Amino acid sequence: MLDTDIVSEIFRGINRQVIAKATAYRAVFGCYTISTITVMEVVQGWHKRQREDRVQEFLATLTTEEVLMLELHDAVLAGCIYADLERIGRPIGYPDSMIAAIALQHDLTLVTGNLSHYQRIQALGYPLRLDNWRT
């Protein structure tokens, strides 16, 4: 499953390494897998910049992608992850907790360049698999 930062890099088409890995991924799987949380974050970013044209362009691309919803069991797990990190003084944002929970519940590797946040989740013993297409 692709994290928001990777989706943004694919959309911008700047990082050649990310684009090459994304192209290879799509060739194998036929589509990208993202979460509704990533949709929210991308829309938020473009809407904040008053770029409704980019919002619509992004939404149009979703018809060919697999978009996973935040289900009740995902929300429960995300709450546990968030609370565990907060308890040890290493909190991350709610969106990252929700994205991680969706990836965990679907037994998917999370493709992200934001390793520092997600490695905190791994350090707690959650079996989150990570892949960084930037390296």
C-alpha atoms as a PDB file:
ATOM      1  CA  MET A   1       0.000   0.000   0.000  1.00  0.00           C
ATOM      2  CA  LEU A   2       1.342   3.424  -0.911  1.00  0.00           C
ATOM      3  CA  ASP A   3       1.711   6.125   1.723  1.00  0.00           C
ATOM      4  CA  THR A   4       0.735   9.704   0.950  1.00  0.00           C
ATOM      5  CA  ASP A   5       4.284  10.918   0.329  1.00  0.00           C
ATOM      6  CA  ILE A   6       4.846   8.269  -2.336  1.00  0.00           C
ATOM      7  CA  VAL A   7       1.493   8.996  -4.012  1.00  0.00           C
ATOM      8  CA  SER A   8       2.462  12.674  -4.116  1.00  0.00           C
ATOM      9  CA  GLU A   9       5.831  11.854  -5.669  1.00  0.00           C
ATOM     10  CA  ILE A  10       4.214   9.666  -8.312  1.00  0.00           C
ATOM     11  CA  PHE A  11       1.701  12.425  -9.075  1.00  0.00           C
ATOM     12  CA  ARG A  12       4.457  15.052  -9.427  1.00  0.00           C
ATOM     13  CA  GLY A  13       6.687  12.742 -11.481  1.00  0.00           C
ATOM     14  CA  ILE A  14       9.946  14.261 -10.249  1.00  0.00           C
ATOM     15  CA  ASN A  15      11.830  11.445  -8.481  1.00  0.00           C
ATOM     16  CA  ARG A  16      12.987   9.059 -11.230  1.00  0.00           C
ATOM     17  CA  GLN A  17      13.651   6.205  -8.824  1.00  0.00           C
ATOM     18  CA  VAL A  18      10.138   6.411  -7.344  1.00  0.00           C
ATOM     19  CA  ILE A  19       8.622   6.619 -10.830  1.00  0.00           C
ATOM     20  CA  ALA A  20      10.586   3.564 -11.997  1.00  0.00           C
ATOM     21  CA  LYS A  21       9.486   1.510  -8.992  1.00  0.00           C
ATOM     22  CA  ALA A  22       5.901   2.730  -9.348  1.00  0.00           C
ATOM     23  CA  THR A  23       5.857   1.747 -13.017  1.00  0.00           C
ATOM     24  CA  ALA A  24       7.204  -1.720 -12.196  1.00  0.00           C
ATOM     25  CA  TYR A  25       4.644  -2.098  -9.392  1.00  0.00           C
ATOM     26  CA  ARG A  26       1.751  -1.153 -11.679  1.00  0.00           C
ATOM     27  CA  ALA A  27       3.007  -3.600 -14.324  1.00  0.00           C
ATOM     28  CA  VAL A  28       2.796  -6.429 -11.792  1.00  0.00           C
ATOM     29  CA  PHE A  29      -0.369  -5.478  -9.881  1.00  0.00           C
ATOM     30  CA  GLY A  30      -2.300  -3.417 -12.443  1.00  0.00           C
ATOM     31  CA  CYS A  31      -3.101  -0.612 -10.009  1.00  0.00           C
ATOM     32  CA  TYR A  32      -1.881   1.146  -6.907  1.00  0.00           C
ATOM     33  CA  THR A  33      -3.326   0.383  -3.484  1.00  0.00           C
ATOM     34  CA  ILE A  34      -3.899   3.414  -1.266  1.00  0.00           C
ATOM     35  CA  SER A  35      -6.127   4.261   1.681  1.00  0.00           C
ATOM     36  CA  THR A  36      -8.939   6.739   2.093  1.00  0.00           C
ATOM     37  CA  ILE A  37      -6.638   8.486   4.569  1.00  0.00           C
ATOM     38  CA  THR A  38      -4.190   9.184   1.740  1.00  0.00           C
ATOM     39  CA  VAL A  39      -7.077  10.507  -0.355  1.00  0.00           C
ATOM     40  CA  MET A  40      -7.935  12.876   2.502  1.00  0.00           C
ATOM     41  CA  GLU A  41      -4.351  14.080   2.857  1.00  0.00           C
ATOM     42  CA  VAL A  42      -3.853  14.690  -0.876  1.00  0.00           C
ATOM     43  CA  VAL A  43      -7.163  16.540  -1.190  1.00  0.00           C
ATOM     44  CA  GLN A  44      -6.321  18.568   1.923  1.00  0.00           C
ATOM     45  CA  GLY A  45      -2.979  19.613   0.433  1.00  0.00           C
ATOM     46  CA  TRP A  46      -4.399  20.749  -2.892  1.00  0.00           C
ATOM     47  CA  HIS A  47      -7.506  22.358  -1.385  1.00  0.00           C
ATOM     48  CA  LYS A  48      -5.360  24.344   1.057  1.00  0.00           C
ATOM     49  CA  ARG A  49      -3.532  25.756  -1.969  1.00  0.00           C
ATOM     50  CA  GLN A  50      -6.900  26.463  -3.624  1.00  0.00           C
ATOM     51  CA  ARG A  51      -6.018  24.105  -6.468  1.00  0.00           C
ATOM     52  CA  GLU A  52      -9.390  22.504  -7.095  1.00  0.00           C
ATOM     53  CA  ASP A  53      -8.197  21.583 -10.591  1.00  0.00           C
ATOM     54  CA  ARG A  54      -5.534  19.373  -9.002  1.00  0.00           C
ATOM     55  CA  VAL A  55      -8.089  17.909  -6.582  1.00  0.00           C
ATOM     56  CA  GLN A  56     -10.293  16.918  -9.516  1.00  0.00           C
ATOM     57  CA  GLU A  57      -7.320  15.577 -11.478  1.00  0.00           C
ATOM     58  CA  PHE A  58      -6.295  13.432  -8.504  1.00  0.00           C
ATOM     59  CA  LEU A  59      -9.829  12.166  -7.891  1.00  0.00           C
ATOM     60  CA  ALA A  60     -10.124  11.176 -11.551  1.00  0.00           C
ATOM     61  CA  THR A  61      -7.070   8.921 -11.183  1.00  0.00           C
ATOM     62  CA  LEU A  62      -8.735   6.982  -8.363  1.00  0.00           C
ATOM     63  CA  THR A  63     -11.112   5.170 -10.709  1.00  0.00           C
ATOM     64  CA  THR A  64      -8.280   2.837 -11.712  1.00  0.00           C
ATOM     65  CA  GLU A  65      -6.783   2.380  -8.223  1.00  0.00           C
ATOM     66  CA  GLU A  66      -7.616   0.195  -5.231  1.00  0.00           C
ATOM     67  CA  VAL A  67      -8.704   2.446  -2.372  1.00  0.00           C
ATOM     68  CA  LEU A  68      -9.000   0.783   1.029  1.00  0.00           C
ATOM     69  CA  MET A  69     -11.466   2.216   3.527  1.00  0.00           C
ATOM     70  CA  LEU A  70     -10.856   2.781   7.224  1.00  0.00           C
ATOM     71  CA  GLU A  71     -13.021   0.044   8.727  1.00  0.00           C
ATOM     72  CA  LEU A  72     -14.004  -0.337  12.377  1.00  0.00           C
ATOM     73  CA  HIS A  73     -11.269  -2.881  13.129  1.00  0.00           C
ATOM     74  CA  ASP A  74      -8.717  -0.568  11.471  1.00  0.00           C
ATOM     75  CA  ALA A  75      -9.897   2.353  13.615  1.00  0.00           C
ATOM     76  CA  VAL A  76      -9.551   0.277  16.787  1.00  0.00           C
ATOM     77  CA  LEU A  77      -6.014  -0.750  15.867  1.00  0.00           C
ATOM     78  CA  ALA A  78      -5.114   2.830  14.892  1.00  0.00           C
ATOM     79  CA  GLY A  79      -6.337   4.021  18.283  1.00  0.00           C
ATOM     80  CA  CYS A  80      -4.147   1.436  20.023  1.00  0.00           C
ATOM     81  CA  ILE A  81      -1.112   2.389  17.931  1.00  0.00           C
ATOM     82  CA  TYR A  82      -1.645   6.083  18.578  1.00  0.00           C
ATOM     83  CA  ALA A  83      -2.118   5.548  22.324  1.00  0.00           C
ATOM     84  CA  ASP A  84       0.927   3.258  22.587  1.00  0.00           C
ATOM     85  CA  LEU A  85       3.116   5.858  20.881  1.00  0.00           C
ATOM     86  CA  GLU A  86       1.682   8.683  22.953  1.00  0.00           C
ATOM     87  CA  ARG A  87       2.264   6.718  26.181  1.00  0.00           C
ATOM     88  CA  ILE A  88       5.992   6.357  25.401  1.00  0.00           C
ATOM     89  CA  GLY A  89       6.318   9.991  24.346  1.00  0.00           C
ATOM     90  CA  ARG A  90       6.855   9.265  20.629  1.00  0.00           C
ATOM     91  CA  PRO A  91       3.528  10.289  19.055  1.00  0.00           C
ATOM     92  CA  ILE A  92       2.838  10.547  15.348  1.00  0.00           C
ATOM     93  CA  GLY A  93      -0.175  12.042  13.638  1.00  0.00           C
ATOM     94  CA  TYR A  94      -3.533  10.341  13.516  1.00  0.00           C
ATOM     95  CA  PRO A  95      -3.324   9.886   9.727  1.00  0.00           C
ATOM     96  CA  ASP A  96      -0.099   7.854   9.953  1.00  0.00           C
ATOM     97  CA  SER A  97      -1.601   5.674  12.694  1.00  0.00           C
ATOM     98  CA  MET A  98      -4.651   5.018  10.523  1.00  0.00           C
ATOM     99  CA  ILE A  99      -2.586   4.276   7.405  1.00  0.00           C
ATOM    100  CA  ALA A 100      -0.408   1.854   9.373  1.00  0.00           C
ATOM    101  CA  ALA A 101      -3.468   0.116  10.818  1.00  0.00           C
ATOM    102  CA  ILE A 102      -5.009  -0.364   7.372  1.00  0.00           C
ATOM    103  CA  ALA A 103      -1.731  -1.806   6.043  1.00  0.00           C
ATOM    104  CA  LEU A 104      -1.445  -4.126   9.045  1.00  0.00           C
ATOM    105  CA  GLN A 105      -5.041  -5.340   8.856  1.00  0.00           C
ATOM    106  CA  HIS A 106      -4.684  -6.118   5.150  1.00  0.00           C
ATOM    107  CA  ASP A 107      -1.215  -7.669   5.614  1.00  0.00           C
ATOM    108  CA  LEU A 108       0.296  -5.206   3.138  1.00  0.00           C
ATOM    109  CA  THR A 109       3.759  -3.702   2.951  1.00  0.00           C
ATOM    110  CA  LEU A 110       3.582   0.071   3.377  1.00  0.00           C
ATOM    111  CA  VAL A 111       5.613   1.941   0.765  1.00  0.00           C
ATOM    112  CA  THR A 112       6.787   5.183   2.332  1.00  0.00           C
ATOM    113  CA  GLY A 113       9.637   7.614   2.523  1.00  0.00           C
ATOM    114  CA  ASN A 114       8.511   8.544   6.032  1.00  0.00           C
ATOM    115  CA  LEU A 115      10.332   5.723   7.770  1.00  0.00           C
ATOM    116  CA  SER A 116      10.945   7.542  11.052  1.00  0.00           C
ATOM    117  CA  HIS A 117       7.242   7.625  12.004  1.00  0.00           C
ATOM    118  CA  TYR A 118       6.453   4.089  10.948  1.00  0.00           C
ATOM    119  CA  GLN A 119       9.576   2.580  12.503  1.00  0.00           C
ATOM    120  CA  ARG A 120       8.244   3.817  15.853  1.00  0.00           C
ATOM    121  CA  ILE A 121       5.273   1.512  15.286  1.00  0.00           C
ATOM    122  CA  GLN A 122       7.581  -1.389  14.467  1.00  0.00           C
ATOM    123  CA  ALA A 123       9.590  -0.679  17.635  1.00  0.00           C
ATOM    124  CA  LEU A 124       6.431  -1.308  19.658  1.00  0.00           C
ATOM    125  CA  GLY A 125       6.256  -4.819  18.207  1.00  0.00           C
ATOM    126  CA  TYR A 126       3.624  -4.264  15.532  1.00  0.00           C
ATOM    127  CA  PRO A 127       4.535  -6.375  12.474  1.00  0.00           C
ATOM    128  CA  LEU A 128       4.371  -3.469  10.008  1.00  0.00           C
ATOM    129  CA  ARG A 129       6.394  -4.111   6.844  1.00  0.00           C
ATOM    130  CA  LEU A 130       7.973  -1.058   5.207  1.00  0.00           C
ATOM    131  CA  ASP A 131       9.532  -0.349   1.837  1.00  0.00           C
ATOM    132  CA  ASN A 132      11.153   2.920   0.806  1.00  0.00           C
ATOM    133  CA  TRP A 133      11.098   3.475  -2.968  1.00  0.00           C
ATOM    134  CA  ARG A 134      13.412   6.469  -2.579  1.00  0.00           C
ATOM    135  CA  THR A 135      16.395   4.235  -1.771  1.00  0.00           C
END
